[in-house]
Amino acid sequence: MQILEFELDRDHVELNQLLKLAGIADSGGQGKAIVASGAVTVDGAVELRKTAKIRAGQTVRLDDVEIRVVGL
């Protein structure tokens, strides 16, 4: 499994934007499509809200990639 650490420099980031900023999606639109497909989990639960607010301390997983969101 590939583990990425994403440093959050604000209160939250929208899930579709996180996928883009982490390099998983080429665009926010592609990030929305990935979330809508049901392939993304947040803290172990499937997340279908494309603009779900992701905060420091949460973990996002897609296939064999885990994104750990950390604060600055």
PDB file of N, CA and C in Angstrom:
ATOM      1  N   MET A   1       0.830  -1.177   0.000  1.00  0.00           N
ATOM      2  CA  MET A   1       0.000   0.000   0.000  1.00  0.00           C
ATOM      3  C   MET A   1       0.878   1.246   0.000  1.00  0.00           C
ATOM      4  N   GLN A   2       0.492   2.204  -0.818  1.00  0.00           N
ATOM      5  CA  GLN A   2       1.204   3.473  -0.868  1.00  0.00           C
ATOM      6  C   GLN A   2       0.570   4.428   0.138  1.00  0.00           C
ATOM      7  N   ILE A   3       1.402   5.035   0.975  1.00  0.00           N
ATOM      8  CA  ILE A   3       0.898   5.966   1.980  1.00  0.00           C
ATOM      9  C   ILE A   3       1.428   7.363   1.676  1.00  0.00           C
ATOM     10  N   LEU A   4       0.506   8.308   1.548  1.00  0.00           N
ATOM     11  CA  LEU A   4       0.857   9.703   1.296  1.00  0.00           C
ATOM     12  C   LEU A   4       0.474  10.520   2.510  1.00  0.00           C
ATOM     13  N   GLU A   5       1.303  11.506   2.858  1.00  0.00           N
ATOM     14  CA  GLU A   5       0.943  12.442   3.912  1.00  0.00           C
ATOM     15  C   GLU A   5       0.634  13.764   3.236  1.00  0.00           C
ATOM     16  N   PHE A   6      -0.546  14.297   3.526  1.00  0.00           N
ATOM     17  CA  PHE A   6      -0.966  15.573   2.958  1.00  0.00           C
ATOM     18  C   PHE A   6      -1.019  16.595   4.074  1.00  0.00           C
ATOM     19  N   GLU A   7      -0.217  17.657   3.951  1.00  0.00           N
ATOM     20  CA  GLU A   7      -0.189  18.700   4.969  1.00  0.00           C
ATOM     21  C   GLU A   7      -1.288  19.712   4.679  1.00  0.00           C
ATOM     22  N   LEU A   8      -2.217  19.823   5.592  1.00  0.00           N
ATOM     23  CA  LEU A   8      -3.356  20.717   5.454  1.00  0.00           C
ATOM     24  C   LEU A   8      -2.993  22.075   6.045  1.00  0.00           C
ATOM     25  N   ASP A   9      -3.048  23.119   5.220  1.00  0.00           N
ATOM     26  CA  ASP A   9      -2.659  24.457   5.678  1.00  0.00           C
ATOM     27  C   ASP A   9      -3.869  25.346   5.977  1.00  0.00           C
ATOM     28  N   ARG A  10      -5.042  24.734   6.110  1.00  0.00           N
ATOM     29  CA  ARG A  10      -6.276  25.476   6.426  1.00  0.00           C
ATOM     30  C   ARG A  10      -7.185  24.573   7.248  1.00  0.00           C
ATOM     31  N   ASP A  11      -8.385  25.027   7.528  1.00  0.00           N
ATOM     32  CA  ASP A  11      -9.324  24.282   8.375  1.00  0.00           C
ATOM     33  C   ASP A  11      -9.726  22.947   7.755  1.00  0.00           C
ATOM     34  N   HIS A  12      -9.987  22.946   6.454  1.00  0.00           N
ATOM     35  CA  HIS A  12     -10.417  21.721   5.771  1.00  0.00           C
ATOM     36  C   HIS A  12     -10.127  21.827   4.273  1.00  0.00           C
ATOM     37  N   VAL A  13     -10.256  20.693   3.595  1.00  0.00           N
ATOM     38  CA  VAL A  13     -10.157  20.644   2.136  1.00  0.00           C
ATOM     39  C   VAL A  13     -11.292  19.738   1.659  1.00  0.00           C
ATOM     40  N   GLU A  14     -11.909  20.110   0.532  1.00  0.00           N
ATOM     41  CA  GLU A  14     -12.979  19.274  -0.007  1.00  0.00           C
ATOM     42  C   GLU A  14     -12.376  18.000  -0.573  1.00  0.00           C
ATOM     43  N   LEU A  15     -13.103  16.898  -0.415  1.00  0.00           N
ATOM     44  CA  LEU A  15     -12.590  15.579  -0.788  1.00  0.00           C
ATOM     45  C   LEU A  15     -12.127  15.530  -2.246  1.00  0.00           C
ATOM     46  N   ASN A  16     -12.947  16.041  -3.173  1.00  0.00           N
ATOM     47  CA  ASN A  16     -12.542  15.985  -4.587  1.00  0.00           C
ATOM     48  C   ASN A  16     -11.266  16.787  -4.837  1.00  0.00           C
ATOM     49  N   GLN A  17     -11.085  17.890  -4.117  1.00  0.00           N
ATOM     50  CA  GLN A  17      -9.875  18.701  -4.270  1.00  0.00           C
ATOM     51  C   GLN A  17      -8.668  18.003  -3.646  1.00  0.00           C
ATOM     52  N   LEU A  18      -8.890  17.287  -2.548  1.00  0.00           N
ATOM     53  CA  LEU A  18      -7.797  16.536  -1.927  1.00  0.00           C
ATOM     54  C   LEU A  18      -7.243  15.508  -2.905  1.00  0.00           C
ATOM     55  N   LEU A  19      -8.137  14.808  -3.602  1.00  0.00           N
ATOM     56  CA  LEU A  19      -7.679  13.804  -4.569  1.00  0.00           C
ATOM     57  C   LEU A  19      -6.843  14.458  -5.664  1.00  0.00           C
ATOM     58  N   LYS A  20      -7.236  15.670  -6.080  1.00  0.00           N
ATOM     59  CA  LYS A  20      -6.480  16.394  -7.097  1.00  0.00           C
ATOM     60  C   LYS A  20      -5.130  16.842  -6.536  1.00  0.00           C
ATOM     61  N   LEU A  21      -5.141  17.454  -5.359  1.00  0.00           N
ATOM     62  CA  LEU A  21      -3.907  17.986  -4.775  1.00  0.00           C
ATOM     63  C   LEU A  21      -2.910  16.883  -4.413  1.00  0.00           C
ATOM     64  N   ALA A  22      -3.420  15.707  -4.090  1.00  0.00           N
ATOM     65  CA  ALA A  22      -2.545  14.577  -3.741  1.00  0.00           C
ATOM     66  C   ALA A  22      -2.018  13.854  -4.983  1.00  0.00           C
ATOM     67  N   GLY A  23      -2.497  14.258  -6.173  1.00  0.00           N
ATOM     68  CA  GLY A  23      -2.009  13.659  -7.415  1.00  0.00           C
ATOM     69  C   GLY A  23      -2.741  12.401  -7.831  1.00  0.00           C
ATOM     70  N   ILE A  24      -3.868  12.093  -7.177  1.00  0.00           N
ATOM     71  CA  ILE A  24      -4.639  10.887  -7.533  1.00  0.00           C
ATOM     72  C   ILE A  24      -5.549  11.177  -8.729  1.00  0.00           C
ATOM     73  N   ALA A  25      -6.097  12.392  -8.766  1.00  0.00           N
ATOM     74  CA  ALA A  25      -6.980  12.802  -9.866  1.00  0.00           C
ATOM     75  C   ALA A  25      -6.309  13.929 -10.640  1.00  0.00           C
ATOM     76  N   ASP A  26      -6.542  13.957 -11.942  1.00  0.00           N
ATOM     77  CA  ASP A  26      -5.956  15.004 -12.776  1.00  0.00           C
ATOM     78  C   ASP A  26      -6.663  16.341 -12.615  1.00  0.00           C
ATOM     79  N   SER A  27      -7.923  16.305 -12.154  1.00  0.00           N
ATOM     80  CA  SER A  27      -8.708  17.529 -12.013  1.00  0.00           C
ATOM     81  C   SER A  27      -9.736  17.348 -10.905  1.00  0.00           C
ATOM     82  N   GLY A  28     -10.343  18.455 -10.487  1.00  0.00           N
ATOM     83  CA  GLY A  28     -11.409  18.370  -9.504  1.00  0.00           C
ATOM     84  C   GLY A  28     -12.587  17.581 -10.036  1.00  0.00           C
ATOM     85  N   GLY A  29     -12.857  17.712 -11.330  1.00  0.00           N
ATOM     86  CA  GLY A  29     -13.955  16.974 -11.956  1.00  0.00           C
ATOM     87  C   GLY A  29     -13.715  15.474 -11.929  1.00  0.00           C
ATOM     88  N   GLN A  30     -12.479  15.079 -12.193  1.00  0.00           N
ATOM     89  CA  GLN A  30     -12.159  13.650 -12.124  1.00  0.00           C
ATOM     90  C   GLN A  30     -12.248  13.172 -10.677  1.00  0.00           C
ATOM     91  N   GLY A  31     -11.848  14.033  -9.746  1.00  0.00           N
ATOM     92  CA  GLY A  31     -11.971  13.701  -8.328  1.00  0.00           C
ATOM     93  C   GLY A  31     -13.419  13.462  -7.941  1.00  0.00           C
ATOM     94  N   LYS A  32     -14.326  14.293  -8.450  1.00  0.00           N
ATOM     95  CA  LYS A  32     -15.761  14.120  -8.178  1.00  0.00           C
ATOM     96  C   LYS A  32     -16.259  12.786  -8.718  1.00  0.00           C
ATOM     97  N   ALA A  33     -15.814  12.420  -9.919  1.00  0.00           N
ATOM     98  CA  ALA A  33     -16.237  11.158 -10.526  1.00  0.00           C
ATOM     99  C   ALA A  33     -15.738   9.967  -9.719  1.00  0.00           C
ATOM    100  N   ILE A  34     -14.513  10.056  -9.209  1.00  0.00           N
ATOM    101  CA  ILE A  34     -13.953   8.966  -8.407  1.00  0.00           C
ATOM    102  C   ILE A  34     -14.766   8.799  -7.128  1.00  0.00           C
ATOM    103  N   VAL A  35     -15.092   9.917  -6.474  1.00  0.00           N
ATOM    104  CA  VAL A  35     -15.882   9.857  -5.244  1.00  0.00           C
ATOM    105  C   VAL A  35     -17.270   9.285  -5.538  1.00  0.00           C
ATOM    106  N   ALA A  36     -17.898   9.751  -6.618  1.00  0.00           N
ATOM    107  CA  ALA A  36     -19.248   9.292  -6.973  1.00  0.00           C
ATOM    108  C   ALA A  36     -19.294   7.796  -7.262  1.00  0.00           C
ATOM    109  N   SER A  37     -18.159   7.220  -7.673  1.00  0.00           N
ATOM    110  CA  SER A  37     -18.123   5.793  -7.997  1.00  0.00           C
ATOM    111  C   SER A  37     -18.183   4.912  -6.743  1.00  0.00           C
ATOM    112  N   GLY A  38     -17.998   5.513  -5.573  1.00  0.00           N
ATOM    113  CA  GLY A  38     -18.036   4.746  -4.330  1.00  0.00           C
ATOM    114  C   GLY A  38     -16.716   4.094  -3.966  1.00  0.00           C
ATOM    115  N   ALA A  39     -15.640   4.500  -4.631  1.00  0.00           N
ATOM    116  CA  ALA A  39     -14.344   3.862  -4.421  1.00  0.00           C
ATOM    117  C   ALA A  39     -13.522   4.489  -3.291  1.00  0.00           C
ATOM    118  N   VAL A  40     -14.012   5.591  -2.721  1.00  0.00           N
ATOM    119  CA  VAL A  40     -13.237   6.323  -1.717  1.00  0.00           C
ATOM    120  C   VAL A  40     -13.817   6.098  -0.328  1.00  0.00           C
ATOM    121  N   THR A  41     -12.929   5.832   0.636  1.00  0.00           N
ATOM    122  CA  THR A  41     -13.373   5.751   2.031  1.00  0.00           C
ATOM    123  C   THR A  41     -12.679   6.844   2.835  1.00  0.00           C
ATOM    124  N   VAL A  42     -13.391   7.351   3.833  1.00  0.00           N
ATOM    125  CA  VAL A  42     -12.844   8.321   4.775  1.00  0.00           C
ATOM    126  C   VAL A  42     -12.983   7.702   6.160  1.00  0.00           C
ATOM    127  N   ASP A  43     -11.865   7.512   6.816  1.00  0.00           N
ATOM    128  CA  ASP A  43     -11.842   6.870   8.133  1.00  0.00           C
ATOM    129  C   ASP A  43     -12.577   5.529   8.113  1.00  0.00           C
ATOM    130  N   GLY A  44     -12.429   4.783   7.016  1.00  0.00           N
ATOM    131  CA  GLY A  44     -12.977   3.437   6.914  1.00  0.00           C
ATOM    132  C   GLY A  44     -14.396   3.321   6.398  1.00  0.00           C
ATOM    133  N   ALA A  45     -15.087   4.452   6.186  1.00  0.00           N
ATOM    134  CA  ALA A  45     -16.470   4.423   5.701  1.00  0.00           C
ATOM    135  C   ALA A  45     -16.539   5.002   4.287  1.00  0.00           C
ATOM    136  N   VAL A  46     -17.324   4.372   3.425  1.00  0.00           N
ATOM    137  CA  VAL A  46     -17.478   4.876   2.055  1.00  0.00           C
ATOM    138  C   VAL A  46     -18.048   6.290   2.113  1.00  0.00           C
ATOM    139  N   GLU A  47     -17.423   7.200   1.367  1.00  0.00           N
ATOM    140  CA  GLU A  47     -17.859   8.596   1.325  1.00  0.00           C
ATOM    141  C   GLU A  47     -18.308   8.938  -0.090  1.00  0.00           C
ATOM    142  N   LEU A  48     -19.574   9.320  -0.243  1.00  0.00           N
ATOM    143  CA  LEU A  48     -20.125   9.660  -1.557  1.00  0.00           C
ATOM    144  C   LEU A  48     -20.311  11.154  -1.751  1.00  0.00           C
ATOM    145  N   ARG A  49     -20.083  11.943  -0.711  1.00  0.00           N
ATOM    146  CA  ARG A  49     -20.214  13.406  -0.838  1.00  0.00           C
ATOM    147  C   ARG A  49     -18.932  13.949  -1.458  1.00  0.00           C
ATOM    148  N   LYS A  50     -19.040  14.465  -2.665  1.00  0.00           N
ATOM    149  CA  LYS A  50     -17.864  14.920  -3.412  1.00  0.00           C
ATOM    150  C   LYS A  50     -17.133  16.061  -2.707  1.00  0.00           C
ATOM    151  N   THR A  51     -17.899  16.907  -2.007  1.00  0.00           N
ATOM    152  CA  THR A  51     -17.285  18.057  -1.354  1.00  0.00           C
ATOM    153  C   THR A  51     -17.246  17.894   0.167  1.00  0.00           C
ATOM    154  N   ALA A  52     -17.183  16.642   0.630  1.00  0.00           N
ATOM    155  CA  ALA A  52     -17.071  16.388   2.074  1.00  0.00           C
ATOM    156  C   ALA A  52     -15.846  17.117   2.608  1.00  0.00           C
ATOM    157  N   LYS A  53     -15.987  17.730   3.771  1.00  0.00           N
ATOM    158  CA  LYS A  53     -14.877  18.474   4.365  1.00  0.00           C
ATOM    159  C   LYS A  53     -13.938  17.507   5.076  1.00  0.00           C
ATOM    160  N   ILE A  54     -12.702  17.473   4.597  1.00  0.00           N
ATOM    161  CA  ILE A  54     -11.684  16.599   5.177  1.00  0.00           C
ATOM    162  C   ILE A  54     -10.776  17.456   6.039  1.00  0.00           C
ATOM    163  N   ARG A  55     -10.594  17.017   7.279  1.00  0.00           N
ATOM    164  CA  ARG A  55      -9.804  17.788   8.235  1.00  0.00           C
ATOM    165  C   ARG A  55      -8.573  16.994   8.685  1.00  0.00           C
ATOM    166  N   ALA A  56      -7.649  17.708   9.313  1.00  0.00           N
ATOM    167  CA  ALA A  56      -6.433  17.065   9.841  1.00  0.00           C
ATOM    168  C   ALA A  56      -6.824  15.920  10.773  1.00  0.00           C
ATOM    169  N   GLY A  57      -6.117  14.816  10.664  1.00  0.00           N
ATOM    170  CA  GLY A  57      -6.374  13.648  11.486  1.00  0.00           C
ATOM    171  C   GLY A  57      -7.196  12.588  10.778  1.00  0.00           C
ATOM    172  N   GLN A  58      -7.765  12.924   9.624  1.00  0.00           N
ATOM    173  CA  GLN A  58      -8.569  11.944   8.890  1.00  0.00           C
ATOM    174  C   GLN A  58      -7.703  11.183   7.892  1.00  0.00           C
ATOM    175  N   THR A  59      -8.191  10.008   7.519  1.00  0.00           N
ATOM    176  CA  THR A  59      -7.493   9.156   6.558  1.00  0.00           C
ATOM    177  C   THR A  59      -8.434   8.842   5.400  1.00  0.00           C
ATOM    178  N   VAL A  60      -7.939   9.088   4.193  1.00  0.00           N
ATOM    179  CA  VAL A  60      -8.711   8.830   2.970  1.00  0.00           C
ATOM    180  C   VAL A  60      -8.032   7.696   2.227  1.00  0.00           C
ATOM    181  N   ARG A  61      -8.821   6.726   1.763  1.00  0.00           N
ATOM    182  CA  ARG A  61      -8.248   5.579   1.062  1.00  0.00           C
ATOM    183  C   ARG A  61      -8.954   5.381  -0.275  1.00  0.00           C
ATOM    184  N   LEU A  62      -8.164   5.097  -1.296  1.00  0.00           N
ATOM    185  CA  LEU A  62      -8.668   4.776  -2.632  1.00  0.00           C
ATOM    186  C   LEU A  62      -7.786   3.659  -3.172  1.00  0.00           C
ATOM    187  N   ASP A  63      -8.392   2.499  -3.406  1.00  0.00           N
ATOM    188  CA  ASP A  63      -7.649   1.326  -3.881  1.00  0.00           C
ATOM    189  C   ASP A  63      -6.481   1.036  -2.935  1.00  0.00           C
ATOM    190  N   ASP A  64      -5.251   1.091  -3.443  1.00  0.00           N
ATOM    191  CA  ASP A  64      -4.098   0.779  -2.598  1.00  0.00           C
ATOM    192  C   ASP A  64      -3.343   2.035  -2.172  1.00  0.00           C
ATOM    193  N   VAL A  65      -4.022   3.179  -2.191  1.00  0.00           N
ATOM    194  CA  VAL A  65      -3.404   4.442  -1.776  1.00  0.00           C
ATOM    195  C   VAL A  65      -4.127   4.969  -0.541  1.00  0.00           C
ATOM    196  N   GLU A  66      -3.356   5.295   0.475  1.00  0.00           N
ATOM    197  CA  GLU A  66      -3.906   5.884   1.696  1.00  0.00           C
ATOM    198  C   GLU A  66      -3.335   7.284   1.845  1.00  0.00           C
ATOM    199  N   ILE A  67      -4.218   8.261   2.050  1.00  0.00           N
ATOM    200  CA  ILE A  67      -3.798   9.648   2.258  1.00  0.00           C
ATOM    201  C   ILE A  67      -4.065   9.986   3.716  1.00  0.00           C
ATOM    202  N   ARG A  68      -3.010  10.299   4.442  1.00  0.00           N
ATOM    203  CA  ARG A  68      -3.145  10.709   5.833  1.00  0.00           C
ATOM    204  C   ARG A  68      -3.057  12.231   5.872  1.00  0.00           C
ATOM    205  N   VAL A  69      -4.120  12.861   6.341  1.00  0.00           N
ATOM    206  CA  VAL A  69      -4.191  14.315   6.375  1.00  0.00           C
ATOM    207  C   VAL A  69      -3.653  14.797   7.721  1.00  0.00           C
ATOM    208  N   VAL A  70      -2.621  15.614   7.665  1.00  0.00           N
ATOM    209  CA  VAL A  70      -2.000  16.119   8.885  1.00  0.00           C
ATOM    210  C   VAL A  70      -2.015  17.641   8.877  1.00  0.00           C
ATOM    211  N   GLY A  71      -2.069  18.225  10.056  1.00  0.00           N
ATOM    212  CA  GLY A  71      -2.020  19.682  10.184  1.00  0.00           C
ATOM    213  C   GLY A  71      -0.594  20.168  10.181  1.00  0.00           C
ATOM    214  N   LEU A  72      -0.441  21.447   9.954  1.00  0.00           N
ATOM    215  CA  LEU A  72       0.906  22.035   9.963  1.00  0.00           C
ATOM    216  C   LEU A  72       1.383  22.293  11.363  1.00  0.00           C
TER     217      LEU A  72
END
